[in-house]
C-alpha cells in the first residue's frame, strides 16, 4: 500500500490485490471498495481456509502486477458468493469497477480486507477534504433568496379613511390609526404679482 502525492489534487492510494494494482483517487471510493469486501466477508465461512494453489498456474513472461486500474467517483463495487457443486469449494466474486476478483479462500479475503481498512485509515491524510455538499446547497439557496426578483403579486391597496391613506401606528402597546392628509400646494404671497 502506497500513498501517491498526498495532500494534492492528484493524490491517490495504491492497493495491491493479488496480481492487480488499484490506483484509488478519492476517499469515497476507498470506502466503497472496503464496504464491498466487508459485504463479502459474511460469506467467509463458506470459503475454504486455504485454497489449493495448484489450480492457479502462473503465466510465464508476465511481470506483476498483471492488471492496473485507476478508480475514482465510486464505481460499482459488489461481492457475491458462487456456491460450489457437491465436492467443490465455494468462491467469492468481488467486483470493483471493471475488475472482478476470484477469492478462493478465507486467507485471501482477510488479507485484502485488511489492506482496504489500512487504505481507509490513510485516506483522510492523503486526500484533500471535500466541501460539505449540504453547506454548498445552503449557501446557494441563501444567495438565490437574496438575488431573487420580487414576486409579481398585485400591489395591496392601502386602507383609507375618507379617501386618504390611513397608517396604523402603535405607541406603548396602544394602537391607533393616523390619517395622512394629502399635501396641498400653498400659494406664495408674491405669486401672481407683477412689478
N, C-alpha and C. Protein backbone atom coordinates (compact mmCIF):
# COMPACT_ATOMS: atom_id res chain seq x y z
N UNK A 1 0.84 -1.17 0.00
CA UNK A 1 0.00 0.00 0.00
C UNK A 1 0.89 1.24 0.00
N UNK A 2 0.61 2.15 -0.97
CA UNK A 2 1.45 3.33 -1.12
C UNK A 2 0.55 4.54 -1.33
N UNK A 3 0.91 5.66 -0.66
CA UNK A 3 0.21 6.93 -0.89
C UNK A 3 0.99 7.70 -1.95
N UNK A 4 0.29 8.17 -2.96
CA UNK A 4 0.91 8.95 -4.03
C UNK A 4 0.48 10.41 -3.94
N UNK A 5 1.43 11.32 -3.93
CA UNK A 5 1.19 12.77 -3.90
C UNK A 5 0.13 13.19 -2.87
N UNK A 6 0.30 12.80 -1.60
CA UNK A 6 -0.71 13.14 -0.59
C UNK A 6 -0.89 14.65 -0.45
N UNK A 7 -2.14 15.05 -0.18
CA UNK A 7 -2.44 16.46 0.05
C UNK A 7 -2.49 17.30 -1.20
N UNK A 8 -2.52 16.67 -2.39
CA UNK A 8 -2.61 17.42 -3.64
C UNK A 8 -3.86 17.00 -4.41
N UNK A 9 -4.14 17.72 -5.49
CA UNK A 9 -5.30 17.35 -6.32
C UNK A 9 -5.10 16.00 -7.01
N UNK A 10 -3.85 15.57 -7.18
CA UNK A 10 -3.58 14.29 -7.83
C UNK A 10 -3.28 13.17 -6.86
N UNK A 11 -3.74 13.29 -5.62
CA UNK A 11 -3.46 12.27 -4.60
C UNK A 11 -4.13 10.95 -4.95
N UNK A 12 -3.51 9.86 -4.54
CA UNK A 12 -4.07 8.52 -4.77
C UNK A 12 -3.46 7.56 -3.77
N UNK A 13 -4.13 6.43 -3.59
CA UNK A 13 -3.62 5.34 -2.76
C UNK A 13 -3.55 4.11 -3.65
N UNK A 14 -2.39 3.49 -3.69
CA UNK A 14 -2.22 2.27 -4.46
C UNK A 14 -2.43 1.06 -3.57
N UNK A 15 -3.36 0.18 -3.96
CA UNK A 15 -3.66 -1.03 -3.20
C UNK A 15 -3.41 -2.23 -4.10
N UNK A 16 -2.61 -3.17 -3.62
CA UNK A 16 -2.30 -4.38 -4.39
C UNK A 16 -3.26 -5.48 -3.97
N UNK A 17 -3.94 -6.08 -4.94
CA UNK A 17 -4.83 -7.21 -4.69
C UNK A 17 -4.38 -8.33 -5.60
N UNK A 18 -3.67 -9.30 -5.04
CA UNK A 18 -3.13 -10.39 -5.85
C UNK A 18 -2.21 -9.82 -6.91
N UNK A 19 -2.49 -10.13 -8.18
CA UNK A 19 -1.67 -9.63 -9.27
C UNK A 19 -2.16 -8.31 -9.84
N UNK A 20 -3.09 -7.64 -9.16
CA UNK A 20 -3.65 -6.38 -9.67
C UNK A 20 -3.24 -5.21 -8.77
N UNK A 21 -3.08 -4.06 -9.39
CA UNK A 21 -2.80 -2.83 -8.66
C UNK A 21 -3.94 -1.86 -8.90
N UNK A 22 -4.58 -1.42 -7.81
CA UNK A 22 -5.65 -0.45 -7.90
C UNK A 22 -5.12 0.90 -7.45
N UNK A 23 -5.31 1.89 -8.28
CA UNK A 23 -4.86 3.26 -8.02
C UNK A 23 -6.13 4.05 -7.69
N UNK A 24 -6.45 4.23 -6.40
CA UNK A 24 -7.72 4.82 -5.97
C UNK A 24 -7.51 6.32 -5.73
N UNK A 25 -8.37 7.15 -6.35
CA UNK A 25 -8.12 8.58 -6.37
C UNK A 25 -8.99 9.43 -5.45
N UNK A 26 -9.85 8.82 -4.65
CA UNK A 26 -10.61 9.61 -3.67
C UNK A 26 -11.04 8.76 -2.49
N UNK A 27 -11.31 9.42 -1.39
CA UNK A 27 -11.64 8.72 -0.14
C UNK A 27 -12.96 7.97 -0.24
N UNK A 28 -13.94 8.53 -0.96
CA UNK A 28 -15.24 7.86 -1.07
C UNK A 28 -15.10 6.52 -1.78
N UNK A 29 -14.24 6.45 -2.78
CA UNK A 29 -14.03 5.19 -3.49
C UNK A 29 -13.33 4.17 -2.61
N UNK A 30 -12.37 4.63 -1.82
CA UNK A 30 -11.72 3.72 -0.85
C UNK A 30 -12.77 3.11 0.07
N UNK A 31 -13.67 3.96 0.60
CA UNK A 31 -14.74 3.48 1.48
C UNK A 31 -15.68 2.53 0.79
N UNK A 32 -16.03 2.84 -0.47
CA UNK A 32 -16.94 1.98 -1.23
C UNK A 32 -16.32 0.59 -1.48
N UNK A 33 -15.03 0.56 -1.82
CA UNK A 33 -14.36 -0.71 -2.05
C UNK A 33 -14.25 -1.51 -0.75
N UNK A 34 -13.97 -0.82 0.35
CA UNK A 34 -13.90 -1.51 1.63
C UNK A 34 -15.25 -2.14 1.98
N UNK A 35 -16.34 -1.41 1.72
CA UNK A 35 -17.68 -1.95 2.02
C UNK A 35 -17.96 -3.20 1.19
N UNK A 36 -17.49 -3.23 -0.06
CA UNK A 36 -17.70 -4.42 -0.88
C UNK A 36 -16.98 -5.63 -0.28
N UNK A 37 -15.75 -5.43 0.19
CA UNK A 37 -15.02 -6.54 0.81
C UNK A 37 -15.68 -6.94 2.12
N UNK A 38 -16.19 -5.97 2.87
CA UNK A 38 -16.88 -6.31 4.13
C UNK A 38 -18.15 -7.09 3.85
N UNK A 39 -18.88 -6.71 2.79
CA UNK A 39 -20.11 -7.46 2.49
C UNK A 39 -19.77 -8.88 2.05
N UNK A 40 -18.61 -9.06 1.41
CA UNK A 40 -18.18 -10.41 1.05
C UNK A 40 -17.74 -11.21 2.26
N UNK A 41 -17.31 -10.53 3.31
CA UNK A 41 -16.79 -11.23 4.50
C UNK A 41 -17.87 -12.06 5.18
N UNK A 42 -19.13 -11.71 5.02
CA UNK A 42 -20.18 -12.51 5.66
C UNK A 42 -20.27 -13.91 5.04
N UNK A 43 -19.68 -14.07 3.84
CA UNK A 43 -19.64 -15.39 3.21
C UNK A 43 -18.33 -16.11 3.49
N UNK A 44 -17.48 -15.49 4.31
CA UNK A 44 -16.15 -16.05 4.55
C UNK A 44 -16.17 -17.48 5.04
N UNK A 45 -17.13 -17.82 5.89
CA UNK A 45 -17.15 -19.19 6.45
C UNK A 45 -17.48 -20.23 5.37
N UNK A 46 -18.04 -19.78 4.23
CA UNK A 46 -18.36 -20.71 3.15
C UNK A 46 -17.14 -21.03 2.29
N UNK A 47 -16.05 -20.27 2.49
CA UNK A 47 -14.83 -20.49 1.72
C UNK A 47 -13.90 -21.41 2.48
N UNK A 48 -13.06 -22.14 1.76
CA UNK A 48 -12.06 -22.94 2.47
C UNK A 48 -11.05 -22.02 3.17
N UNK A 49 -10.45 -22.51 4.24
CA UNK A 49 -9.47 -21.70 4.96
C UNK A 49 -8.30 -21.36 4.04
N UNK A 50 -7.83 -22.35 3.32
CA UNK A 50 -6.73 -22.12 2.36
C UNK A 50 -7.02 -22.95 1.12
N UNK A 51 -7.03 -22.29 -0.03
CA UNK A 51 -7.36 -22.98 -1.27
C UNK A 51 -6.17 -23.77 -1.80
N UNK A 52 -6.47 -24.71 -2.65
CA UNK A 52 -5.44 -25.49 -3.32
C UNK A 52 -4.77 -24.60 -4.37
N UNK A 53 -3.51 -24.25 -4.16
CA UNK A 53 -2.80 -23.33 -5.05
C UNK A 53 -2.35 -24.00 -6.35
N UNK A 54 -2.47 -25.31 -6.45
CA UNK A 54 -2.00 -25.98 -7.68
C UNK A 54 -2.89 -25.65 -8.87
N UNK A 55 -4.10 -25.20 -8.60
CA UNK A 55 -5.00 -24.84 -9.70
C UNK A 55 -4.69 -23.49 -10.32
N UNK A 56 -3.87 -22.69 -9.64
CA UNK A 56 -3.53 -21.36 -10.15
C UNK A 56 -2.16 -21.46 -10.81
N UNK A 57 -2.14 -21.42 -12.13
CA UNK A 57 -0.90 -21.59 -12.87
C UNK A 57 -0.36 -20.21 -13.25
N UNK A 58 0.90 -19.90 -12.87
CA UNK A 58 1.46 -18.60 -13.25
C UNK A 58 1.68 -18.52 -14.76
N UNK A 59 1.57 -17.30 -15.29
CA UNK A 59 1.78 -17.08 -16.71
C UNK A 59 3.24 -16.70 -16.94
N UNK A 60 3.94 -17.47 -17.74
CA UNK A 60 5.35 -17.21 -17.99
C UNK A 60 5.53 -15.89 -18.74
N UNK A 61 6.56 -15.13 -18.35
CA UNK A 61 6.87 -13.88 -19.04
C UNK A 61 6.00 -12.70 -18.65
N UNK A 62 5.16 -12.87 -17.62
CA UNK A 62 4.28 -11.78 -17.19
C UNK A 62 4.76 -11.26 -15.85
N UNK A 63 5.09 -9.98 -15.83
CA UNK A 63 5.52 -9.36 -14.57
C UNK A 63 4.30 -8.90 -13.80
N UNK A 64 4.40 -8.94 -12.49
CA UNK A 64 3.30 -8.44 -11.65
C UNK A 64 3.49 -6.94 -11.45
N UNK A 65 2.46 -6.12 -11.33
CA UNK A 65 1.06 -6.55 -11.39
C UNK A 65 0.62 -6.85 -12.82
N UNK A 66 -0.25 -7.81 -12.93
CA UNK A 66 -0.74 -8.23 -14.24
C UNK A 66 -1.85 -7.32 -14.74
N UNK A 67 -2.49 -6.57 -13.84
CA UNK A 67 -3.58 -5.66 -14.23
C UNK A 67 -3.48 -4.39 -13.40
N UNK A 68 -3.92 -3.29 -14.01
CA UNK A 68 -3.87 -1.98 -13.34
C UNK A 68 -5.19 -1.27 -13.60
N UNK A 69 -5.73 -0.63 -12.57
CA UNK A 69 -6.96 0.14 -12.75
C UNK A 69 -6.89 1.40 -11.90
N UNK A 70 -7.28 2.52 -12.50
CA UNK A 70 -7.44 3.76 -11.74
C UNK A 70 -8.91 3.91 -11.44
N UNK A 71 -9.24 4.12 -10.19
CA UNK A 71 -10.64 4.17 -9.78
C UNK A 71 -10.93 5.44 -8.99
N UNK A 72 -12.05 6.07 -9.32
CA UNK A 72 -12.50 7.26 -8.61
C UNK A 72 -13.98 7.46 -8.83
N UNK A 73 -14.59 8.31 -8.03
CA UNK A 73 -16.02 8.65 -8.12
C UNK A 73 -16.92 7.44 -7.93
N UNK A 74 -16.51 6.54 -7.06
CA UNK A 74 -17.31 5.39 -6.62
C UNK A 74 -17.89 4.54 -7.75
N UNK A 75 -17.04 3.83 -8.50
CA UNK A 75 -17.60 2.89 -9.49
C UNK A 75 -18.30 1.75 -8.77
N UNK A 76 -19.06 0.92 -9.48
CA UNK A 76 -19.76 -0.19 -8.82
C UNK A 76 -18.80 -1.07 -8.04
N UNK A 77 -19.23 -1.49 -6.87
CA UNK A 77 -18.41 -2.36 -6.02
C UNK A 77 -19.36 -3.33 -5.31
N UNK A 78 -19.30 -4.61 -5.70
CA UNK A 78 -20.21 -5.61 -5.14
C UNK A 78 -19.46 -6.92 -4.89
N UNK A 79 -20.04 -7.74 -4.03
CA UNK A 79 -19.49 -9.07 -3.74
C UNK A 79 -20.62 -10.08 -3.81
N UNK A 80 -20.34 -11.23 -4.39
CA UNK A 80 -21.35 -12.29 -4.44
C UNK A 80 -20.67 -13.65 -4.30
N UNK A 81 -21.35 -14.56 -3.66
CA UNK A 81 -20.81 -15.90 -3.41
C UNK A 81 -21.26 -16.84 -4.52
N UNK A 82 -20.31 -17.58 -5.06
CA UNK A 82 -20.60 -18.62 -6.05
C UNK A 82 -20.46 -19.96 -5.33
N UNK A 83 -21.58 -20.58 -5.05
CA UNK A 83 -21.54 -21.85 -4.32
C UNK A 83 -21.07 -22.97 -5.24
N UNK A 84 -20.17 -23.78 -4.70
CA UNK A 84 -19.65 -24.89 -5.49
C UNK A 84 -20.62 -26.05 -5.54
N UNK A 85 -20.49 -26.86 -6.57
CA UNK A 85 -21.29 -28.09 -6.67
C UNK A 85 -20.81 -29.08 -5.60
N UNK A 86 -21.55 -30.10 -5.32
CA UNK A 86 -21.10 -31.07 -4.31
C UNK A 86 -19.68 -31.54 -4.60
N UNK A 87 -18.84 -31.44 -3.58
CA UNK A 87 -17.46 -31.84 -3.71
C UNK A 87 -16.54 -30.70 -4.17
N UNK A 88 -17.12 -29.55 -4.52
CA UNK A 88 -16.32 -28.40 -4.94
C UNK A 88 -16.46 -27.27 -3.92
N UNK A 89 -15.39 -26.50 -3.78
CA UNK A 89 -15.41 -25.38 -2.83
C UNK A 89 -16.16 -24.19 -3.43
N UNK A 90 -16.75 -23.41 -2.55
CA UNK A 90 -17.38 -22.16 -2.99
C UNK A 90 -16.29 -21.13 -3.27
N UNK A 91 -16.65 -20.09 -4.00
CA UNK A 91 -15.71 -19.00 -4.26
C UNK A 91 -16.47 -17.68 -4.21
N UNK A 92 -15.75 -16.65 -3.87
CA UNK A 92 -16.35 -15.32 -3.72
C UNK A 92 -15.90 -14.45 -4.89
N UNK A 93 -16.85 -13.81 -5.54
CA UNK A 93 -16.54 -12.88 -6.62
C UNK A 93 -16.71 -11.46 -6.08
N UNK A 94 -15.65 -10.66 -6.14
CA UNK A 94 -15.71 -9.26 -5.70
C UNK A 94 -15.40 -8.40 -6.92
N UNK A 95 -16.37 -7.58 -7.30
CA UNK A 95 -16.20 -6.69 -8.47
C UNK A 95 -15.99 -5.27 -7.98
N UNK A 96 -14.88 -4.68 -8.39
CA UNK A 96 -14.56 -3.29 -8.09
C UNK A 96 -14.35 -2.59 -9.43
N UNK A 97 -15.29 -1.76 -9.81
CA UNK A 97 -15.19 -1.11 -11.11
C UNK A 97 -15.22 -2.15 -12.21
N UNK A 98 -14.16 -2.18 -13.05
CA UNK A 98 -14.11 -3.12 -14.16
C UNK A 98 -13.31 -4.38 -13.84
N UNK A 99 -12.89 -4.53 -12.60
CA UNK A 99 -12.13 -5.73 -12.21
C UNK A 99 -12.98 -6.63 -11.34
N UNK A 100 -12.88 -7.92 -11.60
CA UNK A 100 -13.55 -8.91 -10.75
C UNK A 100 -12.49 -9.82 -10.17
N UNK A 101 -12.53 -9.98 -8.86
CA UNK A 101 -11.55 -10.81 -8.16
C UNK A 101 -12.22 -12.12 -7.76
N UNK A 102 -11.53 -13.19 -8.04
CA UNK A 102 -12.00 -14.53 -7.69
C UNK A 102 -11.31 -14.92 -6.38
N UNK A 103 -12.04 -14.79 -5.27
CA UNK A 103 -11.46 -15.04 -3.94
C UNK A 103 -11.72 -16.50 -3.60
N UNK A 104 -10.62 -17.25 -3.47
CA UNK A 104 -10.74 -18.69 -3.32
C UNK A 104 -10.73 -19.17 -1.87
N UNK A 105 -10.18 -18.34 -0.94
CA UNK A 105 -10.11 -18.82 0.44
C UNK A 105 -10.20 -17.67 1.44
N UNK A 106 -10.38 -18.07 2.70
CA UNK A 106 -10.53 -17.09 3.77
C UNK A 106 -9.28 -16.23 3.93
N UNK A 107 -8.12 -16.81 3.72
CA UNK A 107 -6.87 -16.07 3.88
C UNK A 107 -6.81 -14.89 2.91
N UNK A 108 -7.17 -15.13 1.65
CA UNK A 108 -7.17 -14.05 0.65
C UNK A 108 -8.20 -12.97 1.02
N UNK A 109 -9.34 -13.41 1.50
CA UNK A 109 -10.39 -12.47 1.87
C UNK A 109 -9.93 -11.57 3.01
N UNK A 110 -9.36 -12.17 4.05
CA UNK A 110 -8.93 -11.40 5.23
C UNK A 110 -7.79 -10.45 4.89
N UNK A 111 -6.78 -10.91 4.17
CA UNK A 111 -5.64 -10.04 3.89
C UNK A 111 -6.04 -8.87 3.00
N UNK A 112 -6.95 -9.09 2.06
CA UNK A 112 -7.39 -7.99 1.19
C UNK A 112 -8.25 -7.01 1.95
N UNK A 113 -9.11 -7.51 2.83
CA UNK A 113 -9.93 -6.61 3.63
C UNK A 113 -9.05 -5.76 4.55
N UNK A 114 -8.01 -6.35 5.11
CA UNK A 114 -7.07 -5.60 5.95
C UNK A 114 -6.39 -4.50 5.14
N UNK A 115 -6.03 -4.80 3.88
CA UNK A 115 -5.40 -3.79 3.03
C UNK A 115 -6.33 -2.61 2.79
N UNK A 116 -7.61 -2.87 2.55
CA UNK A 116 -8.54 -1.76 2.32
C UNK A 116 -8.88 -1.03 3.61
N UNK A 117 -8.83 -1.71 4.74
CA UNK A 117 -9.01 -1.00 6.03
C UNK A 117 -7.86 -0.02 6.24
N UNK A 118 -6.64 -0.46 5.93
CA UNK A 118 -5.47 0.42 6.05
C UNK A 118 -5.61 1.61 5.10
N UNK A 119 -6.08 1.35 3.88
CA UNK A 119 -6.27 2.43 2.91
C UNK A 119 -7.31 3.43 3.43
N UNK A 120 -8.39 2.94 4.05
CA UNK A 120 -9.42 3.83 4.59
C UNK A 120 -8.87 4.67 5.74
N UNK A 121 -7.98 4.09 6.56
CA UNK A 121 -7.36 4.87 7.65
C UNK A 121 -6.41 5.93 7.11
N UNK A 122 -5.74 5.63 5.98
CA UNK A 122 -4.80 6.57 5.38
C UNK A 122 -5.52 7.71 4.65
N UNK A 123 -6.71 7.43 4.13
CA UNK A 123 -7.41 8.36 3.23
C UNK A 123 -7.52 9.80 3.76
N UNK A 124 -7.90 10.04 5.04
CA UNK A 124 -8.03 11.42 5.49
C UNK A 124 -6.74 12.23 5.40
N UNK A 125 -5.59 11.56 5.55
CA UNK A 125 -4.32 12.29 5.48
C UNK A 125 -3.77 12.38 4.06
N UNK A 126 -4.34 11.60 3.13
CA UNK A 126 -3.85 11.60 1.75
C UNK A 126 -4.67 12.53 0.86
N UNK A 127 -6.00 12.48 1.00
CA UNK A 127 -6.87 13.25 0.11
C UNK A 127 -7.25 14.58 0.73
N UNK A 128 -7.36 15.61 -0.12
CA UNK A 128 -7.80 16.92 0.34
C UNK A 128 -9.25 16.81 0.81
N UNK A 129 -9.61 17.55 1.87
CA UNK A 129 -11.01 17.47 2.31
C UNK A 129 -11.93 18.05 1.25
N UNK A 130 -13.08 17.42 1.07
CA UNK A 130 -14.07 17.92 0.11
C UNK A 130 -15.10 18.74 0.86
N UNK A 131 -15.60 19.84 0.25
CA UNK A 131 -16.60 20.66 0.94
C UNK A 131 -17.88 19.88 1.18
N UNK A 132 -18.53 20.18 2.26
CA UNK A 132 -19.79 19.52 2.59
C UNK A 132 -20.85 19.97 1.59
N UNK A 133 -21.45 19.02 0.87
CA UNK A 133 -22.43 19.36 -0.16
C UNK A 133 -23.63 20.10 0.41
N UNK A 134 -24.04 19.71 1.64
CA UNK A 134 -25.19 20.40 2.23
C UNK A 134 -24.88 21.86 2.50
N UNK A 135 -23.64 22.17 2.88
CA UNK A 135 -23.26 23.56 3.12
C UNK A 135 -23.30 24.34 1.81
N UNK A 136 -22.87 23.72 0.72
CA UNK A 136 -22.91 24.38 -0.59
C UNK A 136 -24.36 24.65 -0.98
N UNK A 137 -25.23 23.67 -0.76
CA UNK A 137 -26.65 23.85 -1.11
C UNK A 137 -27.29 24.95 -0.28
N UNK A 138 -26.94 25.01 1.02
CA UNK A 138 -27.50 26.08 1.87
C UNK A 138 -27.04 27.44 1.38
N UNK A 139 -25.76 27.56 1.02
CA UNK A 139 -25.22 28.83 0.53
C UNK A 139 -25.90 29.23 -0.77
N UNK A 140 -26.10 28.27 -1.67
CA UNK A 140 -26.75 28.57 -2.95
C UNK A 140 -28.20 29.02 -2.73
N UNK A 141 -28.90 28.37 -1.80
CA UNK A 141 -30.29 28.75 -1.52
C UNK A 141 -30.37 30.16 -0.93
N UNK A 142 -29.43 30.50 -0.02
CA UNK A 142 -29.41 31.84 0.57
C UNK A 142 -29.12 32.89 -0.50
N UNK A 143 -28.18 32.59 -1.39
CA UNK A 143 -27.85 33.53 -2.47
C UNK A 143 -29.04 33.72 -3.40
N UNK A 144 -29.76 32.62 -3.69
CA UNK A 144 -30.93 32.71 -4.57
C UNK A 144 -32.01 33.59 -3.94
N UNK A 145 -32.19 33.46 -2.60
CA UNK A 145 -33.20 34.30 -1.93
C UNK A 145 -32.82 35.77 -1.99
N UNK A 146 -31.52 36.05 -1.79
CA UNK A 146 -31.07 37.45 -1.79
C UNK A 146 -31.14 38.08 -3.17
N UNK A 147 -30.87 37.28 -4.20
CA UNK A 147 -30.81 37.83 -5.55
C UNK A 147 -32.12 37.68 -6.32
N UNK A 148 -33.11 37.06 -5.72
CA UNK A 148 -34.37 36.81 -6.43
C UNK A 148 -35.12 38.11 -6.68
N UNK A 149 -35.78 38.18 -7.84
CA UNK A 149 -36.62 39.34 -8.16
C UNK A 149 -37.87 39.28 -7.30
N UNK A 150 -38.45 40.44 -6.98
CA UNK A 150 -39.68 40.42 -6.18
C UNK A 150 -40.78 39.66 -6.91
N UNK A 151 -41.64 39.04 -6.15
CA UNK A 151 -42.73 38.27 -6.76
C UNK A 151 -43.70 39.21 -7.43
N UNK A 152 -44.43 38.70 -8.43
CA UNK A 152 -45.36 39.52 -9.22
C UNK A 152 -46.76 39.45 -8.63
N UNK A 153 -46.91 39.87 -7.41
CA UNK A 153 -48.23 39.92 -6.79
C UNK A 153 -48.82 41.30 -7.04
N UNK A 154 -50.13 41.37 -7.08
CA UNK A 154 -50.75 42.69 -7.27
C UNK A 154 -50.51 43.50 -6.00
N UNK A 155 -50.17 44.79 -6.19
CA UNK A 155 -49.92 45.61 -5.00
C UNK A 155 -51.16 45.70 -4.15
N UNK A 156 -50.97 45.62 -2.86
CA UNK A 156 -52.13 45.70 -1.98
C UNK A 156 -52.59 47.15 -1.88
N UNK A 157 -53.87 47.34 -1.79
CA UNK A 157 -54.43 48.67 -1.70
C UNK A 157 -54.40 49.10 -0.25
N UNK A 158 -53.78 50.24 0.05
CA UNK A 158 -53.73 50.66 1.44
C UNK A 158 -55.12 51.02 1.96
N UNK A 159 -55.29 50.82 3.24
CA UNK A 159 -56.56 51.19 3.87
C UNK A 159 -56.74 52.70 3.78
N UNK A 160 -57.97 53.12 3.61
CA UNK A 160 -58.23 54.57 3.51
C UNK A 160 -59.28 54.99 4.51
N UNK A 161 -59.19 56.24 4.88
CA UNK A 161 -60.22 56.86 5.71
C UNK A 161 -60.62 58.14 5.01
N UNK A 162 -61.86 58.22 4.60
CA UNK A 162 -62.37 59.38 3.86
C UNK A 162 -61.53 59.67 2.62
N UNK A 163 -61.11 58.62 1.92
CA UNK A 163 -60.36 58.82 0.69
C UNK A 163 -58.88 59.10 0.88
N UNK A 164 -58.40 59.17 2.13
CA UNK A 164 -56.97 59.41 2.36
C UNK A 164 -56.36 58.18 3.00
N UNK A 165 -55.07 57.92 2.69
CA UNK A 165 -54.46 56.72 3.25
C UNK A 165 -54.40 56.78 4.77
N UNK A 166 -54.59 55.63 5.39
CA UNK A 166 -54.50 55.55 6.84
C UNK A 166 -53.29 54.71 7.20
N UNK A 167 -52.53 55.13 8.18
CA UNK A 167 -51.35 54.41 8.63
C UNK A 167 -51.58 53.99 10.06
N UNK A 168 -51.34 52.70 10.32
CA UNK A 168 -51.50 52.21 11.68
C UNK A 168 -50.23 52.49 12.46
N UNK A 169 -50.37 53.00 13.64
CA UNK A 169 -49.21 53.27 14.48
C UNK A 169 -49.51 52.77 15.87
N UNK A 170 -48.50 52.39 16.58
CA UNK A 170 -48.71 51.98 17.96
C UNK A 170 -47.64 52.62 18.82
N UNK A 171 -48.05 52.95 20.00
CA UNK A 171 -47.12 53.54 20.95
C UNK A 171 -47.45 53.00 22.32
N UNK A 172 -46.46 52.38 22.92
CA UNK A 172 -46.64 51.80 24.25
C UNK A 172 -47.81 50.83 24.30
N UNK A 173 -47.92 50.01 23.26
CA UNK A 173 -48.96 48.99 23.26
C UNK A 173 -50.33 49.50 22.89
N UNK A 174 -50.52 50.80 22.71
CA UNK A 174 -51.82 51.34 22.34
C UNK A 174 -51.82 51.52 20.83
N UNK A 175 -52.79 50.96 20.18
CA UNK A 175 -52.85 51.00 18.73
C UNK A 175 -53.82 52.09 18.31
N UNK A 176 -53.45 52.86 17.31
CA UNK A 176 -54.36 53.89 16.81
C UNK A 176 -54.12 54.08 15.33
N UNK A 177 -55.04 54.68 14.65
CA UNK A 177 -54.92 54.94 13.23
C UNK A 177 -54.72 56.43 13.01
N UNK A 178 -53.70 56.74 12.20
CA UNK A 178 -53.42 58.14 11.90
C UNK A 178 -53.82 58.38 10.47
N UNK A 179 -54.59 59.41 10.23
CA UNK A 179 -54.99 59.74 8.87
C UNK A 179 -53.98 60.71 8.29
N UNK A 180 -53.47 60.33 7.12
CA UNK A 180 -52.47 61.17 6.48
C UNK A 180 -53.19 62.05 5.47
N UNK A 181 -53.10 63.36 5.65
CA UNK A 181 -53.75 64.31 4.74
C UNK A 181 -52.86 64.51 3.53
N UNK A 182 -53.47 64.55 2.33
CA UNK A 182 -52.65 64.79 1.15
C UNK A 182 -52.07 66.19 1.17
N UNK A 183 -50.89 66.31 0.66
CA UNK A 183 -50.25 67.63 0.65
C UNK A 183 -50.96 68.52 -0.35
N UNK A 184 -51.21 69.77 0.03
CA UNK A 184 -51.85 70.75 -0.88
C UNK A 184 -50.84 71.84 -1.17
N UNK A 185 -50.94 72.35 -2.36
CA UNK A 185 -50.00 73.40 -2.75
C UNK A 185 -50.38 74.69 -2.06
N UNK A 186 -49.42 75.35 -1.46
CA UNK A 186 -49.66 76.65 -0.84
C UNK A 186 -49.23 77.74 -1.80
N UNK A 187 -49.93 78.78 -1.74
CA UNK A 187 -49.62 79.87 -2.64
C UNK A 187 -48.68 80.83 -1.97
N UNK A 188 -47.64 81.18 -2.70
CA UNK A 188 -46.70 82.14 -2.16
C UNK A 188 -47.36 83.51 -2.15
N UNK A 189 -47.08 84.38 -1.11
CA UNK A 189 -47.72 85.69 -1.05
C UNK A 189 -47.37 86.55 -2.28
N UNK A 190 -46.26 86.27 -2.92
CA UNK A 190 -45.89 87.11 -4.06
C UNK A 190 -46.25 86.47 -5.37
N UNK A 191 -46.84 85.27 -5.31
CA UNK A 191 -47.13 84.55 -6.54
C UNK A 191 -48.25 85.28 -7.31
N UNK A 192 -48.08 85.42 -8.59
CA UNK A 192 -49.09 86.04 -9.45
C UNK A 192 -49.01 87.57 -9.49
N UNK A 193 -48.09 88.18 -8.74
CA UNK A 193 -47.97 89.65 -8.74
C UNK A 193 -46.90 90.05 -9.74
N UNK A 194 -47.10 91.14 -10.39
CA UNK A 194 -46.11 91.66 -11.33
C UNK A 194 -45.63 92.99 -10.85
N UNK A 195 -44.45 93.39 -11.22
CA UNK A 195 -43.93 94.70 -10.84
C UNK A 195 -43.93 95.59 -11.99
